[in-house]
Amino acid sequence: VGQGAWLDNNGNVTELNISERAIANPPVVVGSRSHISP
């Protein structure tokens, strides 16, 4: 935190930065594989 984030995808390293990312239209929600609670 405060220094950066990275993804190493099978040896291919990229920086992750969503600080200026706009919300998708419609927005994308991610949730549990097993269930959605009430």
PDB file of all heavy atoms in Angstrom:
ATOM      1  N   VAL A   1       0.845  -1.191   0.000  1.00  0.00           N
ATOM      2  CA  VAL A   1       0.000   0.000   0.000  1.00  0.00           C
ATOM      3  C   VAL A   1       0.884   1.245   0.000  1.00  0.00           C
ATOM      4  O   VAL A   1       1.794   1.386   0.814  1.00  0.00           O
ATOM      5  CB  VAL A   1      -0.953  -0.001   1.209  1.00  0.00           C
ATOM      6  CG1 VAL A   1      -1.770   1.284   1.247  1.00  0.00           C
ATOM      7  CG2 VAL A   1      -1.870  -1.221   1.149  1.00  0.00           C
ATOM      8  N   GLY A   2       0.621   2.133  -0.942  1.00  0.00           N
ATOM      9  CA  GLY A   2       1.404   3.346  -1.086  1.00  0.00           C
ATOM     10  C   GLY A   2       2.578   3.215  -2.032  1.00  0.00           C
ATOM     11  O   GLY A   2       3.203   4.215  -2.398  1.00  0.00           O
ATOM     12  N   GLN A   3       2.889   1.986  -2.443  1.00  0.00           N
ATOM     13  CA  GLN A   3       4.016   1.762  -3.352  1.00  0.00           C
ATOM     14  C   GLN A   3       3.608   1.165  -4.687  1.00  0.00           C
ATOM     15  O   GLN A   3       4.251   1.415  -5.705  1.00  0.00           O
ATOM     16  CB  GLN A   3       5.061   0.860  -2.681  1.00  0.00           C
ATOM     17  CG  GLN A   3       5.706   1.468  -1.445  1.00  0.00           C
ATOM     18  CD  GLN A   3       6.847   0.614  -0.917  1.00  0.00           C
ATOM     19  OE1 GLN A   3       7.633   0.071  -1.689  1.00  0.00           O
ATOM     20  NE2 GLN A   3       6.930   0.488   0.402  1.00  0.00           N
ATOM     21  N   GLY A   4       2.539   0.360  -4.706  1.00  0.00           N
ATOM     22  CA  GLY A   4       2.092  -0.203  -5.963  1.00  0.00           C
ATOM     23  C   GLY A   4       1.665  -1.650  -5.848  1.00  0.00           C
ATOM     24  O   GLY A   4       1.873  -2.304  -4.821  1.00  0.00           O
ATOM     25  N   ALA A   5       1.029  -2.135  -6.930  1.00  0.00           N
ATOM     26  CA  ALA A   5       0.563  -3.513  -6.991  1.00  0.00           C
ATOM     27  C   ALA A   5       0.926  -4.098  -8.346  1.00  0.00           C
ATOM     28  O   ALA A   5       0.994  -3.378  -9.353  1.00  0.00           O
ATOM     29  CB  ALA A   5      -0.947  -3.580  -6.770  1.00  0.00           C
ATOM     30  N   TRP A   6       1.114  -5.425  -8.357  1.00  0.00           N
ATOM     31  CA  TRP A   6       1.568  -6.077  -9.571  1.00  0.00           C
ATOM     32  C   TRP A   6       0.898  -7.434  -9.740  1.00  0.00           C
ATOM     33  O   TRP A   6       0.483  -8.068  -8.780  1.00  0.00           O
ATOM     34  CB  TRP A   6       3.091  -6.282  -9.522  1.00  0.00           C
ATOM     35  CG  TRP A   6       3.822  -4.999  -9.402  1.00  0.00           C
ATOM     36  CD1 TRP A   6       4.286  -4.208 -10.416  1.00  0.00           C
ATOM     37  CD2 TRP A   6       4.154  -4.313  -8.183  1.00  0.00           C
ATOM     38  NE1 TRP A   6       4.884  -3.085  -9.913  1.00  0.00           N
ATOM     39  CE2 TRP A   6       4.825  -3.118  -8.543  1.00  0.00           C
ATOM     40  CE3 TRP A   6       3.958  -4.591  -6.834  1.00  0.00           C
ATOM     41  CZ2 TRP A   6       5.286  -2.209  -7.600  1.00  0.00           C
ATOM     42  CZ3 TRP A   6       4.408  -3.691  -5.884  1.00  0.00           C
ATOM     43  CH2 TRP A   6       5.065  -2.518  -6.270  1.00  0.00           C
ATOM     44  N   LEU A   7       0.814  -7.853 -11.006  1.00  0.00           N
ATOM     45  CA  LEU A   7       0.340  -9.192 -11.346  1.00  0.00           C
ATOM     46  C   LEU A   7       1.428  -9.904 -12.130  1.00  0.00           C
ATOM     47  O   LEU A   7       1.870  -9.421 -13.182  1.00  0.00           O
ATOM     48  CB  LEU A   7      -0.947  -9.112 -12.177  1.00  0.00           C
ATOM     49  CG  LEU A   7      -1.369 -10.423 -12.867  1.00  0.00           C
ATOM     50  CD1 LEU A   7      -1.629 -11.524 -11.845  1.00  0.00           C
ATOM     51  CD2 LEU A   7      -2.605 -10.186 -13.739  1.00  0.00           C
ATOM     52  N   ASP A   8       1.839 -11.035 -11.607  1.00  0.00           N
ATOM     53  CA  ASP A   8       2.768 -11.926 -12.303  1.00  0.00           C
ATOM     54  C   ASP A   8       1.931 -13.047 -12.903  1.00  0.00           C
ATOM     55  O   ASP A   8       1.479 -13.945 -12.190  1.00  0.00           O
ATOM     56  CB  ASP A   8       3.805 -12.475 -11.320  1.00  0.00           C
ATOM     57  CG  ASP A   8       4.802 -13.433 -11.971  1.00  0.00           C
ATOM     58  OD1 ASP A   8       4.544 -13.888 -13.108  1.00  0.00           O
ATOM     59  OD2 ASP A   8       5.816 -13.746 -11.345  1.00  0.00           O
ATOM     60  N   ASN A   9       1.698 -12.975 -14.203  1.00  0.00           N
ATOM     61  CA  ASN A   9       0.866 -13.951 -14.901  1.00  0.00           C
ATOM     62  C   ASN A   9       1.776 -14.858 -15.721  1.00  0.00           C
ATOM     63  O   ASN A   9       2.192 -14.515 -16.823  1.00  0.00           O
ATOM     64  CB  ASN A   9      -0.142 -13.240 -15.804  1.00  0.00           C
ATOM     65  CG  ASN A   9      -1.143 -14.200 -16.429  1.00  0.00           C
ATOM     66  OD1 ASN A   9      -1.014 -15.414 -16.302  1.00  0.00           O
ATOM     67  ND2 ASN A   9      -2.134 -13.659 -17.118  1.00  0.00           N
ATOM     68  N   ASN A  10       2.127 -15.989 -15.121  1.00  0.00           N
ATOM     69  CA  ASN A  10       3.025 -16.937 -15.778  1.00  0.00           C
ATOM     70  C   ASN A  10       4.329 -16.290 -16.220  1.00  0.00           C
ATOM     71  O   ASN A  10       4.834 -16.535 -17.324  1.00  0.00           O
ATOM     72  CB  ASN A  10       2.326 -17.579 -16.974  1.00  0.00           C
ATOM     73  CG  ASN A  10       1.253 -18.574 -16.562  1.00  0.00           C
ATOM     74  OD1 ASN A  10       1.549 -19.725 -16.271  1.00  0.00           O
ATOM     75  ND2 ASN A  10       0.012 -18.112 -16.506  1.00  0.00           N
ATOM     76  N   GLY A  11       4.876 -15.418 -15.360  1.00  0.00           N
ATOM     77  CA  GLY A  11       6.152 -14.781 -15.640  1.00  0.00           C
ATOM     78  C   GLY A  11       6.069 -13.437 -16.319  1.00  0.00           C
ATOM     79  O   GLY A  11       7.068 -12.720 -16.423  1.00  0.00           O
ATOM     80  N   ASN A  12       4.871 -13.059 -16.771  1.00  0.00           N
ATOM     81  CA  ASN A  12       4.664 -11.751 -17.394  1.00  0.00           C
ATOM     82  C   ASN A  12       4.137 -10.787 -16.333  1.00  0.00           C
ATOM     83  O   ASN A  12       2.992 -10.898 -15.912  1.00  0.00           O
ATOM     84  CB  ASN A  12       3.671 -11.861 -18.554  1.00  0.00           C
ATOM     85  CG  ASN A  12       3.428 -10.536 -19.244  1.00  0.00           C
ATOM     86  OD1 ASN A  12       4.294  -9.662 -19.252  1.00  0.00           O
ATOM     87  ND2 ASN A  12       2.251 -10.373 -19.818  1.00  0.00           N
ATOM     88  N   VAL A  13       4.979  -9.853 -15.889  1.00  0.00           N
ATOM     89  CA  VAL A  13       4.627  -8.971 -14.779  1.00  0.00           C
ATOM     90  C   VAL A  13       4.093  -7.636 -15.300  1.00  0.00           C
ATOM     91  O   VAL A  13       4.724  -6.978 -16.128  1.00  0.00           O
ATOM     92  CB  VAL A  13       5.837  -8.720 -13.867  1.00  0.00           C
ATOM     93  CG1 VAL A  13       5.466  -7.782 -12.715  1.00  0.00           C
ATOM     94  CG2 VAL A  13       6.365 -10.042 -13.310  1.00  0.00           C
ATOM     95  N   THR A  14       2.913  -7.243 -14.817  1.00  0.00           N
ATOM     96  CA  THR A  14       2.308  -5.960 -15.156  1.00  0.00           C
ATOM     97  C   THR A  14       1.895  -5.241 -13.889  1.00  0.00           C
ATOM     98  O   THR A  14       1.598  -5.869 -12.868  1.00  0.00           O
ATOM     99  CB  THR A  14       1.069  -6.130 -16.051  1.00  0.00           C
ATOM    100  OG1 THR A  14       0.137  -7.021 -15.401  1.00  0.00           O
ATOM    101  CG2 THR A  14       1.446  -6.719 -17.402  1.00  0.00           C
ATOM    102  N   GLU A  15       1.883  -3.915 -13.938  1.00  0.00           N
ATOM    103  CA  GLU A  15       1.455  -3.132 -12.783  1.00  0.00           C
ATOM    104  C   GLU A  15      -0.065  -3.002 -12.793  1.00  0.00           C
ATOM    105  O   GLU A  15      -0.689  -2.861 -13.854  1.00  0.00           O
ATOM    106  CB  GLU A  15       2.098  -1.747 -12.807  1.00  0.00           C
ATOM    107  CG  GLU A  15       1.807  -0.928 -11.550  1.00  0.00           C
ATOM    108  CD  GLU A  15       2.619   0.345 -11.463  1.00  0.00           C
ATOM    109  OE1 GLU A  15       3.370   0.624 -12.421  1.00  0.00           O
ATOM    110  OE2 GLU A  15       2.514   1.045 -10.442  1.00  0.00           O
ATOM    111  N   LEU A  16      -0.650  -3.040 -11.607  1.00  0.00           N
ATOM    112  CA  LEU A  16      -2.091  -2.886 -11.452  1.00  0.00           C
ATOM    113  C   LEU A  16      -2.385  -1.500 -10.894  1.00  0.00           C
ATOM    114  O   LEU A  16      -1.838  -1.122  -9.855  1.00  0.00           O
ATOM    115  CB  LEU A  16      -2.656  -3.949 -10.509  1.00  0.00           C
ATOM    116  CG  LEU A  16      -2.413  -5.412 -10.891  1.00  0.00           C
ATOM    117  CD1 LEU A  16      -2.978  -6.334  -9.811  1.00  0.00           C
ATOM    118  CD2 LEU A  16      -3.039  -5.729 -12.244  1.00  0.00           C
ATOM    119  N   ASN A  17      -3.233  -0.752 -11.587  1.00  0.00           N
ATOM    120  CA  ASN A  17      -3.595   0.585 -11.113  1.00  0.00           C
ATOM    121  C   ASN A  17      -4.996   0.922 -11.599  1.00  0.00           C
ATOM    122  O   ASN A  17      -5.221   1.133 -12.798  1.00  0.00           O
ATOM    123  CB  ASN A  17      -2.609   1.636 -11.624  1.00  0.00           C
ATOM    124  CG  ASN A  17      -2.834   3.000 -10.991  1.00  0.00           C
ATOM    125  OD1 ASN A  17      -3.903   3.281 -10.462  1.00  0.00           O
ATOM    126  ND2 ASN A  17      -1.824   3.852 -11.041  1.00  0.00           N
ATOM    127  N   ILE A  18      -5.949   0.924 -10.671  1.00  0.00           N
ATOM    128  CA  ILE A  18      -7.339   1.221 -11.027  1.00  0.00           C
ATOM    129  C   ILE A  18      -7.795   2.551 -10.441  1.00  0.00           C
ATOM    130  O   ILE A  18      -8.991   2.837 -10.379  1.00  0.00           O
ATOM    131  CB  ILE A  18      -8.284   0.100 -10.556  1.00  0.00           C
ATOM    132  CG1 ILE A  18      -8.202  -0.084  -9.026  1.00  0.00           C
ATOM    133  CG2 ILE A  18      -7.980  -1.203 -11.277  1.00  0.00           C
ATOM    134  CD1 ILE A  18      -9.313  -0.946  -8.459  1.00  0.00           C
ATOM    135  N   SER A  19      -6.831   3.379 -10.024  1.00  0.00           N
ATOM    136  CA  SER A  19      -7.178   4.621  -9.328  1.00  0.00           C
ATOM    137  C   SER A  19      -7.994   5.571 -10.201  1.00  0.00           C
ATOM    138  O   SER A  19      -8.770   6.380  -9.681  1.00  0.00           O
ATOM    139  CB  SER A  19      -5.914   5.330  -8.835  1.00  0.00           C
ATOM    140  OG  SER A  19      -5.047   5.614  -9.915  1.00  0.00           O
ATOM    141  N   GLU A  20      -7.839   5.484 -11.518  1.00  0.00           N
ATOM    142  CA  GLU A  20      -8.592   6.369 -12.411  1.00  0.00           C
ATOM    143  C   GLU A  20      -9.570   5.593 -13.290  1.00  0.00           C
ATOM    144  O   GLU A  20     -10.078   6.133 -14.276  1.00  0.00           O
ATOM    145  CB  GLU A  20      -7.621   7.170 -13.278  1.00  0.00           C
ATOM    146  CG  GLU A  20      -6.715   8.099 -12.463  1.00  0.00           C
ATOM    147  CD  GLU A  20      -5.791   8.924 -13.345  1.00  0.00           C
ATOM    148  OE1 GLU A  20      -5.902   8.823 -14.584  1.00  0.00           O
ATOM    149  OE2 GLU A  20      -4.964   9.671 -12.788  1.00  0.00           O
ATOM    150  N   ARG A  21      -9.853   4.369 -12.919  1.00  0.00           N
ATOM    151  CA  ARG A  21     -10.748   3.548 -13.725  1.00  0.00           C
ATOM    152  C   ARG A  21     -12.196   3.989 -13.549  1.00  0.00           C
ATOM    153  O   ARG A  21     -12.681   4.146 -12.433  1.00  0.00           O
ATOM    154  CB  ARG A  21     -10.609   2.070 -13.323  1.00  0.00           C
ATOM    155  CG  ARG A  21     -11.462   1.124 -14.167  1.00  0.00           C
ATOM    156  CD  ARG A  21     -11.302  -0.322 -13.706  1.00  0.00           C
ATOM    157  NE  ARG A  21     -12.019  -1.245 -14.573  1.00  0.00           N
ATOM    158  CZ  ARG A  21     -13.290  -1.573 -14.410  1.00  0.00           C
ATOM    159  NH1 ARG A  21     -13.987  -1.038 -13.413  1.00  0.00           N
ATOM    160  NH2 ARG A  21     -13.875  -2.418 -15.230  1.00  0.00           N
ATOM    161  N   ALA A  22     -12.894   4.177 -14.653  1.00  0.00           N
ATOM    162  CA  ALA A  22     -14.314   4.534 -14.613  1.00  0.00           C
ATOM    163  C   ALA A  22     -15.163   3.277 -14.430  1.00  0.00           C
ATOM    164  O   ALA A  22     -14.757   2.175 -14.811  1.00  0.00           O
ATOM    165  CB  ALA A  22     -14.710   5.249 -15.900  1.00  0.00           C
ATOM    166  N   ILE A  23     -16.324   3.437 -13.831  1.00  0.00           N
ATOM    167  CA  ILE A  23     -17.237   2.319 -13.637  1.00  0.00           C
ATOM    168  C   ILE A  23     -17.794   1.871 -14.983  1.00  0.00           C
ATOM    169  O   ILE A  23     -18.170   2.689 -15.826  1.00  0.00           O
ATOM    170  CB  ILE A  23     -18.391   2.727 -12.701  1.00  0.00           C
ATOM    171  CG1 ILE A  23     -17.852   3.145 -11.333  1.00  0.00           C
ATOM    172  CG2 ILE A  23     -19.391   1.587 -12.548  1.00  0.00           C
ATOM    173  CD1 ILE A  23     -17.122   2.065 -10.608  1.00  0.00           C
ATOM    174  N   ALA A  24     -17.846   0.568 -15.185  1.00  0.00           N
ATOM    175  CA  ALA A  24     -18.400   0.027 -16.422  1.00  0.00           C
ATOM    176  C   ALA A  24     -19.905   0.303 -16.493  1.00  0.00           C
ATOM    177  O   ALA A  24     -20.562   0.547 -15.478  1.00  0.00           O
ATOM    178  CB  ALA A  24     -18.135  -1.472 -16.488  1.00  0.00           C
ATOM    179  N   ASN A  25     -20.439   0.278 -17.687  1.00  0.00           N
ATOM    180  CA  ASN A  25     -21.875   0.509 -17.883  1.00  0.00           C
ATOM    181  C   ASN A  25     -22.465  -0.646 -18.706  1.00  0.00           C
ATOM    182  O   ASN A  25     -22.217  -0.730 -19.899  1.00  0.00           O
ATOM    183  CB  ASN A  25     -22.102   1.837 -18.608  1.00  0.00           C
ATOM    184  CG  ASN A  25     -23.584   2.189 -18.720  1.00  0.00           C
ATOM    185  OD1 ASN A  25     -24.407   1.628 -18.001  1.00  0.00           O
ATOM    186  ND2 ASN A  25     -23.912   3.079 -19.644  1.00  0.00           N
ATOM    187  N   PRO A  26     -23.214  -1.551 -18.057  1.00  0.00           N
ATOM    188  CA  PRO A  26     -23.571  -1.579 -16.639  1.00  0.00           C
ATOM    189  C   PRO A  26     -22.383  -2.027 -15.787  1.00  0.00           C
ATOM    190  O   PRO A  26     -21.449  -2.645 -16.308  1.00  0.00           O
ATOM    191  CB  PRO A  26     -24.708  -2.605 -16.586  1.00  0.00           C
ATOM    192  CG  PRO A  26     -24.411  -3.536 -17.712  1.00  0.00           C
ATOM    193  CD  PRO A  26     -23.824  -2.683 -18.795  1.00  0.00           C
ATOM    194  N   PRO A  27     -22.402  -1.722 -14.483  1.00  0.00           N
ATOM    195  CA  PRO A  27     -21.287  -2.094 -13.616  1.00  0.00           C
ATOM    196  C   PRO A  27     -21.131  -3.608 -13.510  1.00  0.00           C
ATOM    197  O   PRO A  27     -22.101  -4.366 -13.642  1.00  0.00           O
ATOM    198  CB  PRO A  27     -21.669  -1.482 -12.265  1.00  0.00           C
ATOM    199  CG  PRO A  27     -23.130  -1.260 -12.329  1.00  0.00           C
ATOM    200  CD  PRO A  27     -23.449  -0.981 -13.753  1.00  0.00           C
ATOM    201  N   VAL A  28     -19.892  -4.032 -13.273  1.00  0.00           N
ATOM    202  CA  VAL A  28     -19.577  -5.453 -13.135  1.00  0.00           C
ATOM    203  C   VAL A  28     -19.399  -5.776 -11.657  1.00  0.00           C
ATOM    204  O   VAL A  28     -18.554  -5.187 -10.982  1.00  0.00           O
ATOM    205  CB  VAL A  28     -18.306  -5.814 -13.916  1.00  0.00           C
ATOM    206  CG1 VAL A  28     -17.990  -7.299 -13.744  1.00  0.00           C
ATOM    207  CG2 VAL A  28     -18.453  -5.460 -15.388  1.00  0.00           C
ATOM    208  N   VAL A  29     -20.202  -6.700 -11.167  1.00  0.00           N
ATOM    209  CA  VAL A  29     -20.173  -7.124  -9.769  1.00  0.00           C
ATOM    210  C   VAL A  29     -19.595  -8.532  -9.717  1.00  0.00           C
ATOM    211  O   VAL A  29     -19.955  -9.397 -10.527  1.00  0.00           O
ATOM    212  CB  VAL A  29     -21.585  -7.119  -9.158  1.00  0.00           C
ATOM    213  CG1 VAL A  29     -21.546  -7.556  -7.690  1.00  0.00           C
ATOM    214  CG2 VAL A  29     -22.237  -5.749  -9.304  1.00  0.00           C
ATOM    215  N   VAL A  30     -18.700  -8.779  -8.780  1.00  0.00           N
ATOM    216  CA  VAL A  30     -18.156 -10.120  -8.603  1.00  0.00           C
ATOM    217  C   VAL A  30     -18.607 -10.646  -7.245  1.00  0.00           C
ATOM    218  O   VAL A  30     -18.681  -9.900  -6.262  1.00  0.00           O
ATOM    219  CB  VAL A  30     -16.610 -10.128  -8.734  1.00  0.00           C
ATOM    220  CG1 VAL A  30     -15.954  -9.304  -7.635  1.00  0.00           C
ATOM    221  CG2 VAL A  30     -16.067 -11.541  -8.729  1.00  0.00           C
ATOM    222  N   GLY A  31     -18.954 -11.916  -7.215  1.00  0.00           N
ATOM    223  CA  GLY A  31     -19.467 -12.489  -5.981  1.00  0.00           C
ATOM    224  C   GLY A  31     -19.037 -13.926  -5.792  1.00  0.00           C
ATOM    225  O   GLY A  31     -18.220 -14.461  -6.550  1.00  0.00           O
ATOM    226  N   SER A  32     -19.610 -14.561  -4.783  1.00  0.00           N
ATOM    227  CA  SER A  32     -19.229 -15.908  -4.380  1.00  0.00           C
ATOM    228  C   SER A  32     -19.576 -16.929  -5.447  1.00  0.00           C
ATOM    229  O   SER A  32     -20.618 -16.831  -6.112  1.00  0.00           O
ATOM    230  CB  SER A  32     -19.944 -16.269  -3.073  1.00  0.00           C
ATOM    231  OG  SER A  32     -19.735 -17.619  -2.748  1.00  0.00           O
ATOM    232  N   ARG A  33     -18.714 -17.908  -5.583  1.00  0.00           N
ATOM    233  CA  ARG A  33     -18.991 -19.025  -6.470  1.00  0.00           C
ATOM    234  C   ARG A  33     -20.131 -19.884  -5.932  1.00  0.00           C
ATOM    235  O   ARG A  33     -20.922 -20.437  -6.695  1.00  0.00           O
ATOM    236  CB  ARG A  33     -17.720 -19.869  -6.638  1.00  0.00           C
ATOM    237  CG  ARG A  33     -17.899 -21.208  -7.322  1.00  0.00           C
ATOM    238  CD  ARG A  33     -18.291 -21.054  -8.776  1.00  0.00           C
ATOM    239  NE  ARG A  33     -17.171 -20.631  -9.603  1.00  0.00           N
ATOM    240  CZ  ARG A  33     -17.281 -20.236 -10.864  1.00  0.00           C
ATOM    241  NH1 ARG A  33     -18.479 -20.189 -11.432  1.00  0.00           N
ATOM    242  NH2 ARG A  33     -16.216 -19.870 -11.560  1.00  0.00           N
ATOM    243  N   SER A  34     -20.245 -19.966  -4.597  1.00  0.00           N
ATOM    244  CA  SER A  34     -21.171 -20.926  -3.997  1.00  0.00           C
ATOM    245  C   SER A  34     -22.592 -20.390  -3.824  1.00  0.00           C
ATOM    246  O   SER A  34     -23.556 -21.123  -4.016  1.00  0.00           O
ATOM    247  CB  SER A  34     -20.621 -21.407  -2.648  1.00  0.00           C
ATOM    248  OG  SER A  34     -20.362 -20.306  -1.793  1.00  0.00           O
ATOM    249  N   HIS A  35     -22.730 -19.117  -3.447  1.00  0.00           N
ATOM    250  CA  HIS A  35     -24.085 -18.605  -3.231  1.00  0.00           C
ATOM    251  C   HIS A  35     -24.084 -17.082  -3.116  1.00  0.00           C
ATOM    252  O   HIS A  35     -23.065 -16.474  -2.826  1.00  0.00           O
ATOM    253  CB  HIS A  35     -24.691 -19.200  -1.958  1.00  0.00           C
ATOM    254  CG  HIS A  35     -24.051 -18.701  -0.707  1.00  0.00           C
ATOM    255  ND1 HIS A  35     -22.854 -19.184  -0.235  1.00  0.00           N
ATOM    256  CD2 HIS A  35     -24.426 -17.723   0.176  1.00  0.00           C
ATOM    257  CE1 HIS A  35     -22.520 -18.552   0.871  1.00  0.00           C
ATOM    258  NE2 HIS A  35     -23.450 -17.656   1.150  1.00  0.00           N
ATOM    259  N   ILE A  36     -25.264 -16.511  -3.337  1.00  0.00           N
ATOM    260  CA  ILE A  36     -25.488 -15.083  -3.105  1.00  0.00           C
ATOM    261  C   ILE A  36     -26.382 -14.961  -1.872  1.00  0.00           C
ATOM    262  O   ILE A  36     -27.498 -15.481  -1.851  1.00  0.00           O
ATOM    263  CB  ILE A  36     -26.171 -14.410  -4.311  1.00  0.00           C
ATOM    264  CG1 ILE A  36     -25.277 -14.492  -5.554  1.00  0.00           C
ATOM    265  CG2 ILE A  36     -26.509 -12.958  -3.994  1.00  0.00           C
ATOM    266  CD1 ILE A  36     -23.981 -13.722  -5.446  1.00  0.00           C
ATOM    267  N   SER A  37     -25.892 -14.294  -0.838  1.00  0.00           N
ATOM    268  CA  SER A  37     -26.669 -14.173   0.397  1.00  0.00           C
ATOM    269  C   SER A  37     -27.853 -13.226   0.180  1.00  0.00           C
ATOM    270  O   SER A  37     -27.842 -12.391  -0.727  1.00  0.00           O
ATOM    271  CB  SER A  37     -25.787 -13.636   1.523  1.00  0.00           C
ATOM    272  OG  SER A  37     -25.500 -12.262   1.312  1.00  0.00           O
ATOM    273  N   PRO A  38     -28.884 -13.350   1.015  1.00  0.00           N
ATOM    274  CA  PRO A  38     -30.028 -12.430   0.898  1.00  0.00           C
ATOM    275  C   PRO A  38     -29.614 -10.967   1.018  1.00  0.00           C
ATOM    276  O   PRO A  38     -30.180 -10.098   0.332  1.00  0.00           O
ATOM    277  CB  PRO A  38     -30.932 -12.855   2.064  1.00  0.00           C
ATOM    278  CG  PRO A  38     -30.593 -14.294   2.294  1.00  0.00           C
ATOM    279  CD  PRO A  38     -29.125 -14.404   2.017  1.00  0.00           C
TER     280      PRO A  38
END
